[in-house]
Amino acid sequence: MPAAHHSIRRRTVALALAVPALLVACSPDPPADPAPPPTVAPRPAGPDAARDELAALAAAAQDRHLIARYTLRVDGVADRLIVFTSANDGSWRMDVPGGALGGTRDIALAANADGLFQCGLPSATRPEPASCVRLGERDDTLPRRLDPRVQHPFTDWLDVLTDRRAPLAVSPAMVLPEATGSCYSVETTAASINPPLDVGIYCFDADGTPTAVRAAFGTLTLSAPPEPAPGTVQLPGPVFEGEPLGMEAPSVEPAAPDGLDATDAATEPTGADERAGTL
């Protein structure tokens, strides 16, 4: 084969190898690998965004039907297990150990189509059967003397958290110890003798389950996974006419001296009385 043909072939091969290299050198940098999607949605920025998110979670909580157990912690008092039931028909019940008479009586509050009820529950120190009294219509407001307040974050305070007209200031907060989900600090922006809710920290899971509340009554923390809701709540005992149990501890009668009952002790004259009678 003539030498010219070998030369042309060598130049053709060299050109074929050089063109891709030139194209690579002139092309822009290859795109970087796409960033992985975030595993957690970013929290909203600003008070308006925080309030919108809290309102959405509170609305989900209103539609959440479950049986949930919470630990109630109050300074100076042993921890108590609170059980809240939200039934599929909209009725609800909350069992509150030590919820009346200064912590000496266990009670349940319940609301159904027939009204709002307070029920005394049996305990180790009071084994008598449960009995209930009707307090009023299911949406009536309890007077302070009858109100343990721990039921509000699961009932009427959810209405306040979803109401954009309510005088509230909401901001993101650190998650409370042993809680999950998202937490929000809630303050009232209008002075009132009866504010619409207690200021504090409110925490919810993404599905609307309340996981923790820190308010004036103490701290509630979800202690176990929620259980499926019943069709309706049952009152723990029959309904009787009578007075409900108040929050205050019962007054203690002064001890009578030996040989006297309380009535005699109250009427027994003292030395000062006897002297006054001789004047």
Protein backbone atom coordinates (compact mmCIF):
# COMPACT_ATOMS: atom_id res chain seq x y z
CA MET A 1 0.00 0.00 0.00
CA PRO A 2 1.38 3.46 -0.87
CA ALA A 3 2.83 5.50 2.02
CA ALA A 4 0.34 8.33 1.34
CA HIS A 5 -2.54 6.02 2.20
CA HIS A 6 -0.93 5.09 5.54
CA SER A 7 -0.44 8.75 6.35
CA ILE A 8 -4.07 9.63 5.54
CA ARG A 9 -5.31 6.71 7.67
CA ARG A 10 -3.18 7.79 10.64
CA ARG A 11 -4.48 11.37 10.43
CA THR A 12 -8.08 10.13 10.23
CA VAL A 13 -7.70 7.96 13.35
CA ALA A 14 -5.99 10.78 15.26
CA LEU A 15 -8.79 13.20 14.30
CA ALA A 16 -11.46 10.70 15.35
CA LEU A 17 -9.83 10.38 18.77
CA ALA A 18 -9.28 14.10 19.21
CA VAL A 19 -12.82 15.32 18.41
CA PRO A 20 -14.53 13.68 21.46
CA ALA A 21 -11.79 14.98 23.71
CA LEU A 22 -12.29 18.51 22.35
CA LEU A 23 -16.07 18.20 22.85
CA VAL A 24 -15.60 17.07 26.46
CA ALA A 25 -13.18 19.88 27.13
CA CYS A 26 -15.57 22.49 25.70
CA SER A 27 -18.74 21.16 27.32
CA PRO A 28 -19.95 22.67 30.63
CA ASP A 29 -19.41 20.84 33.91
CA PRO A 30 -21.71 17.84 34.30
CA PRO A 31 -24.68 18.48 36.59
CA ALA A 32 -24.21 17.52 40.21
CA ASP A 33 -26.31 14.75 41.69
CA PRO A 34 -29.69 16.11 42.84
CA ALA A 35 -29.96 16.74 46.57
CA PRO A 36 -32.01 14.14 48.41
CA PRO A 37 -35.49 15.32 49.38
CA PRO A 38 -35.81 16.56 52.98
CA THR A 39 -37.07 13.98 55.42
CA VAL A 40 -38.86 16.56 57.57
CA ALA A 41 -40.91 19.44 56.26
CA PRO A 42 -39.47 22.81 57.33
CA ARG A 43 -41.28 24.59 60.14
CA PRO A 44 -43.11 27.74 59.10
CA ALA A 45 -41.40 31.06 59.74
CA GLY A 46 -43.15 33.82 61.61
CA PRO A 47 -46.10 33.99 63.99
CA ASP A 48 -48.77 33.93 61.28
CA ALA A 49 -47.37 30.75 59.74
CA ALA A 50 -47.05 29.12 63.16
CA ARG A 51 -50.63 29.98 64.00
CA ASP A 52 -51.85 28.56 60.69
CA GLU A 53 -50.02 25.30 61.33
CA LEU A 54 -51.31 25.04 64.90
CA ALA A 55 -54.86 25.75 63.73
CA ALA A 56 -54.57 22.94 61.17
CA LEU A 57 -53.30 20.49 63.79
CA ALA A 58 -56.05 21.48 66.24
CA ALA A 59 -58.65 20.94 63.50
CA ALA A 60 -57.19 17.48 62.88
CA ALA A 61 -57.38 16.81 66.64
CA GLN A 62 -61.09 17.63 66.59
CA ASP A 63 -61.57 14.86 64.03
CA ARG A 64 -59.32 12.42 65.89
CA HIS A 65 -61.24 9.71 67.77
CA LEU A 66 -59.19 7.57 70.15
CA ILE A 67 -58.47 6.36 73.64
CA ALA A 68 -55.31 8.04 74.91
CA ARG A 69 -53.43 7.80 78.20
CA TYR A 70 -51.47 10.73 79.57
CA THR A 71 -49.17 11.25 82.51
CA LEU A 72 -50.15 14.32 84.54
CA ARG A 73 -47.27 15.95 86.40
CA VAL A 74 -47.92 18.63 88.99
CA ASP A 75 -45.26 20.03 91.30
CA GLY A 76 -45.47 18.49 94.75
CA VAL A 77 -47.92 15.76 93.71
CA ALA A 78 -47.30 12.17 92.60
CA ASP A 79 -47.72 11.56 88.87
CA ARG A 80 -51.19 10.48 87.81
CA LEU A 81 -52.49 8.57 84.78
CA ILE A 82 -55.25 10.45 82.93
CA VAL A 83 -57.36 8.60 80.36
CA PHE A 84 -59.16 10.53 77.62
CA THR A 85 -61.69 8.90 75.30
CA SER A 86 -63.06 10.59 72.19
CA ALA A 87 -65.75 8.33 70.73
CA ASN A 88 -66.82 8.08 67.11
CA ASP A 89 -70.21 9.69 67.83
CA GLY A 90 -68.60 12.84 69.29
CA SER A 91 -69.10 11.93 72.95
CA TRP A 92 -66.06 12.10 75.23
CA ARG A 93 -64.90 11.12 78.71
CA MET A 94 -61.86 11.92 80.84
CA ASP A 95 -60.94 9.92 83.95
CA VAL A 96 -59.02 12.02 86.48
CA PRO A 97 -57.54 10.31 89.56
CA GLY A 98 -57.49 12.78 92.44
CA GLY A 99 -59.59 15.17 90.38
CA ALA A 100 -61.83 16.44 93.22
CA LEU A 101 -61.90 17.29 96.92
CA GLY A 102 -58.29 18.43 97.01
CA GLY A 103 -56.98 15.28 95.33
CA THR A 104 -58.80 12.84 97.61
CA ARG A 105 -61.48 11.69 95.14
CA ASP A 106 -61.20 10.13 91.69
CA ILE A 107 -63.68 11.44 89.15
CA ALA A 108 -64.64 11.22 85.50
CA LEU A 109 -66.08 13.98 83.35
CA ALA A 110 -68.19 12.88 80.40
CA ALA A 111 -70.26 14.56 77.71
CA ASN A 112 -72.80 12.89 75.45
CA ALA A 113 -76.12 13.71 73.81
CA ASP A 114 -77.80 13.74 77.25
CA GLY A 115 -75.52 16.38 78.75
CA LEU A 116 -72.36 16.95 80.77
CA PHE A 117 -71.74 14.67 83.76
CA GLN A 118 -69.40 14.32 86.71
CA CYS A 119 -68.97 10.81 88.10
CA GLY A 120 -67.31 9.71 91.33
CA LEU A 121 -65.09 6.69 90.68
CA PRO A 122 -64.21 3.88 93.10
CA SER A 123 -60.68 3.77 94.44
CA ALA A 124 -58.61 1.84 96.94
CA THR A 125 -59.66 4.19 99.75
CA ARG A 126 -63.27 4.61 98.56
CA PRO A 127 -64.47 1.30 97.10
CA GLU A 128 -68.14 2.31 96.79
CA PRO A 129 -69.62 1.95 93.27
CA ALA A 130 -69.39 4.78 90.77
CA SER A 131 -72.25 7.25 90.52
CA CYS A 132 -72.86 10.32 88.37
CA VAL A 133 -74.62 13.68 88.53
CA ARG A 134 -75.68 15.78 85.56
CA LEU A 135 -73.95 19.17 85.46
CA GLY A 136 -75.83 20.67 82.51
CA GLU A 137 -75.86 20.63 78.72
CA ARG A 138 -72.87 19.03 77.02
CA ASP A 139 -71.38 22.38 75.95
CA ASP A 140 -72.02 24.23 79.23
CA THR A 141 -69.09 25.93 80.94
CA LEU A 142 -68.10 24.43 84.26
CA PRO A 143 -67.74 26.82 87.18
CA ARG A 144 -64.22 27.02 88.59
CA ARG A 145 -65.22 25.22 91.77
CA LEU A 146 -66.06 22.08 89.72
CA ASP A 147 -63.45 22.32 86.95
CA PRO A 148 -60.26 20.17 87.03
CA ARG A 149 -59.27 21.87 83.72
CA VAL A 150 -57.28 18.93 82.34
CA GLN A 151 -60.09 18.10 79.88
CA HIS A 152 -60.01 21.47 78.12
CA PRO A 153 -56.99 20.88 75.79
CA PHE A 154 -58.95 17.97 74.25
CA THR A 155 -62.37 19.63 74.07
CA ASP A 156 -63.29 23.33 73.98
CA TRP A 157 -59.75 24.75 73.79
CA LEU A 158 -59.39 23.11 70.37
CA ASP A 159 -62.17 25.44 69.20
CA VAL A 160 -60.10 28.41 70.40
CA LEU A 161 -56.94 27.19 68.66
CA THR A 162 -58.78 26.89 65.34
CA ASP A 163 -60.47 30.34 65.64
CA ARG A 164 -58.40 33.00 63.88
CA ARG A 165 -60.42 35.71 65.66
CA ALA A 166 -59.30 34.51 69.10
CA PRO A 167 -56.81 36.91 70.75
CA LEU A 168 -53.80 34.59 70.62
CA ALA A 169 -50.11 34.90 69.81
CA VAL A 170 -48.54 31.65 68.57
CA SER A 171 -44.87 30.83 68.00
CA PRO A 172 -42.90 27.59 67.49
CA ALA A 173 -41.53 26.07 70.72
CA MET A 174 -39.02 23.39 71.65
CA VAL A 175 -40.57 19.95 71.95
CA LEU A 176 -41.44 19.18 75.56
CA PRO A 177 -39.54 16.32 77.25
CA GLU A 178 -40.94 12.88 76.32
CA ALA A 179 -43.27 14.46 73.74
CA THR A 180 -43.28 13.99 69.97
CA GLY A 181 -44.47 16.04 67.03
CA SER A 182 -44.52 19.84 66.89
CA CYS A 183 -44.94 22.19 69.84
CA TYR A 184 -46.19 25.77 69.97
CA SER A 185 -46.13 28.48 72.59
CA VAL A 186 -49.56 30.09 72.95
CA GLU A 187 -50.12 33.45 74.66
CA THR A 188 -53.25 35.57 74.98
CA THR A 189 -53.05 39.08 73.54
CA ALA A 190 -56.02 40.61 75.39
CA ALA A 191 -56.35 41.08 79.14
CA SER A 192 -59.34 39.15 80.47
CA ILE A 193 -60.60 37.80 83.77
CA ASN A 194 -61.66 34.65 81.90
CA PRO A 195 -59.17 34.06 79.06
CA PRO A 196 -60.33 31.62 76.34
CA LEU A 197 -57.61 29.12 77.29
CA ASP A 198 -54.56 28.72 79.50
CA VAL A 199 -51.34 30.13 78.11
CA GLY A 200 -48.72 27.43 77.71
CA ILE A 201 -47.17 24.99 75.26
CA TYR A 202 -49.31 22.71 73.08
CA CYS A 203 -47.85 19.75 71.15
CA PHE A 204 -49.43 17.63 68.40
CA ASP A 205 -48.39 14.80 66.12
CA ALA A 206 -48.94 15.27 62.40
CA ASP A 207 -52.22 13.31 62.53
CA GLY A 208 -53.66 15.67 65.17
CA THR A 209 -52.99 13.52 68.24
CA PRO A 210 -52.26 15.78 71.22
CA THR A 211 -48.92 14.58 72.58
CA ALA A 212 -48.25 17.08 75.39
CA VAL A 213 -49.61 20.21 77.07
CA ARG A 214 -47.93 22.43 79.64
CA ALA A 215 -50.39 24.84 81.25
CA ALA A 216 -51.40 26.21 84.64
CA PHE A 217 -52.85 22.86 85.78
CA GLY A 218 -49.55 21.00 85.16
CA THR A 219 -47.99 19.02 82.29
CA LEU A 220 -49.74 16.27 80.35
CA THR A 221 -47.61 13.90 78.26
CA LEU A 222 -48.85 11.05 76.07
CA SER A 223 -47.65 7.88 77.81
CA ALA A 224 -48.64 5.15 75.32
CA PRO A 225 -49.75 4.82 71.70
CA PRO A 226 -53.46 5.73 71.30
CA GLU A 227 -56.01 2.95 70.98
CA PRO A 228 -59.03 2.76 68.64
CA ALA A 229 -62.08 4.75 69.72
CA PRO A 230 -65.34 3.15 70.85
CA GLY A 231 -68.62 3.96 69.14
CA THR A 232 -69.75 5.97 72.16
CA VAL A 233 -68.62 6.59 75.73
CA GLN A 234 -70.35 4.91 78.64
CA LEU A 235 -70.95 6.60 81.96
CA PRO A 236 -69.19 4.60 84.67
CA GLY A 237 -72.27 4.50 86.90
CA PRO A 238 -75.95 5.44 87.19
CA VAL A 239 -77.07 9.08 87.31
CA PHE A 240 -78.53 10.38 90.59
CA GLU A 241 -79.85 13.70 91.78
CA GLY A 242 -77.26 15.29 94.02
CA GLU A 243 -74.43 17.75 94.42
CA PRO A 244 -71.25 17.31 92.39
CA LEU A 245 -67.85 17.05 94.04
CA GLY A 246 -65.92 20.32 94.23
CA MET A 247 -62.23 20.88 93.67
CA GLU A 248 -61.46 22.12 97.20
CA ALA A 249 -60.47 19.76 99.98
CA PRO A 250 -63.23 19.15 102.52
CA SER A 251 -63.03 21.13 105.72
CA VAL A 252 -61.81 19.20 108.76
CA GLU A 253 -63.81 19.42 111.99
CA PRO A 254 -61.68 20.28 115.05
CA ALA A 255 -60.97 17.33 117.31
CA ALA A 256 -63.24 17.22 120.36
CA PRO A 257 -61.86 16.67 123.88
CA ASP A 258 -62.30 13.21 125.35
CA GLY A 259 -65.88 12.57 126.44
CA LEU A 260 -67.37 15.33 124.23
CA ASP A 261 -68.66 15.14 120.70
CA ALA A 262 -68.05 17.96 118.23
CA THR A 263 -71.38 19.66 119.07
CA ASP A 264 -70.70 19.58 122.81
CA ALA A 265 -67.18 20.93 122.27
CA ALA A 266 -68.52 23.82 120.23
CA THR A 267 -71.04 24.76 122.96
CA GLU A 268 -68.93 24.03 126.08
CA PRO A 269 -68.22 27.40 127.78
CA THR A 270 -64.64 28.46 128.23
CA GLY A 271 -63.22 30.03 131.35
CA ALA A 272 -63.51 33.45 129.74
CA ASP A 273 -67.19 32.78 129.01
CA GLU A 274 -67.83 31.73 132.61
CA ARG A 275 -66.15 34.84 133.94
CA ALA A 276 -68.10 37.00 131.54
CA GLY A 277 -71.30 35.43 132.81
CA THR A 278 -70.55 36.49 136.40
CA LEU A 279 -70.14 40.17 135.52
